[in-house]
Protein backbone atom coordinates (compact mmCIF):
# COMPACT_ATOMS: atom_id res chain seq x y z
CA UNK A 1 17.38 48.08 52.71
CA UNK A 2 17.16 47.16 56.36
CA UNK A 3 17.57 49.64 59.17
CA UNK A 4 19.95 49.15 62.10
CA UNK A 5 16.97 48.36 64.35
CA UNK A 6 15.69 45.70 61.92
CA UNK A 7 19.14 44.09 61.62
CA UNK A 8 19.61 44.05 65.39
CA UNK A 9 16.13 42.58 65.88
CA UNK A 10 16.90 39.88 63.28
CA UNK A 11 20.06 38.85 65.11
CA UNK A 12 18.34 38.74 68.51
CA UNK A 13 15.26 36.94 67.20
CA UNK A 14 17.38 34.45 65.27
CA UNK A 15 19.27 33.61 68.47
CA UNK A 16 15.96 33.08 70.26
CA UNK A 17 14.63 30.95 67.39
CA UNK A 18 17.75 28.78 67.43
CA UNK A 19 17.37 28.31 71.19
CA UNK A 20 13.79 27.16 70.66
CA UNK A 21 14.88 24.71 67.96
CA UNK A 22 17.73 23.45 70.11
CA UNK A 23 15.42 22.58 72.97
CA UNK A 24 12.34 21.42 71.02
CA UNK A 25 11.56 17.75 71.18
CA UNK A 26 9.67 17.88 67.90
CA UNK A 27 8.62 20.50 65.35
CA UNK A 28 5.15 19.46 64.25
CA UNK A 29 3.80 22.33 62.15
CA UNK A 30 4.74 21.81 58.48
CA UNK A 31 6.52 24.80 57.05
CA UNK A 32 6.89 26.57 60.41
CA UNK A 33 10.68 26.46 60.43
CA UNK A 34 10.94 27.73 56.87
CA UNK A 35 8.42 30.52 57.48
CA UNK A 36 10.17 31.78 60.60
CA UNK A 37 13.62 31.43 59.02
CA UNK A 38 12.59 33.46 55.97
CA UNK A 39 11.18 36.19 58.18
CA UNK A 40 14.38 36.38 60.21
CA UNK A 41 16.62 36.34 57.15
CA UNK A 42 14.79 39.29 55.63
CA UNK A 43 16.79 41.72 57.80
CA UNK A 44 19.70 39.49 58.81
CA UNK A 45 23.08 41.18 58.24
CA UNK A 46 24.70 40.60 54.85
CA UNK A 47 28.45 40.12 54.33
CA UNK A 48 28.77 43.84 53.49
CA UNK A 49 27.15 44.73 56.82
CA UNK A 50 29.52 42.41 58.66
CA UNK A 51 32.52 43.89 56.84
CA UNK A 52 31.56 47.42 57.91
CA UNK A 53 30.93 46.24 61.46
CA UNK A 54 34.29 44.46 61.56
CA UNK A 55 36.09 47.62 60.44
CA UNK A 56 34.32 49.70 63.07
CA UNK A 57 34.47 47.15 65.91
CA UNK A 58 37.31 44.67 65.25
CA UNK A 59 37.19 43.39 68.82
CA UNK A 60 33.56 42.30 68.38
CA UNK A 61 33.21 41.36 64.69
CA UNK A 62 35.55 39.70 62.22
CA UNK A 63 35.33 40.21 58.47
CA UNK A 64 33.35 37.46 56.73
CA UNK A 65 35.48 34.80 55.06
CA UNK A 66 33.55 34.99 51.78
CA UNK A 67 31.99 31.53 51.96
CA UNK A 68 28.51 32.79 52.78
CA UNK A 69 28.38 30.41 55.75
CA UNK A 70 29.20 32.76 58.62
């Protein structure tokens, strides 16, 4: 189970990773994207976490729609 600090770090680091990908001209290291993505997903919030967050902070989070593609 992930801690609140690990989940928060995963969200922040995922945002940073996506910014890097969005501005990169070329990703040249084979497997780099998959390796980093797997590390970030390890503590990324699950639908249950988002549901609890949405109940506690409805102005910030919405409940997941159940598709697994939030």
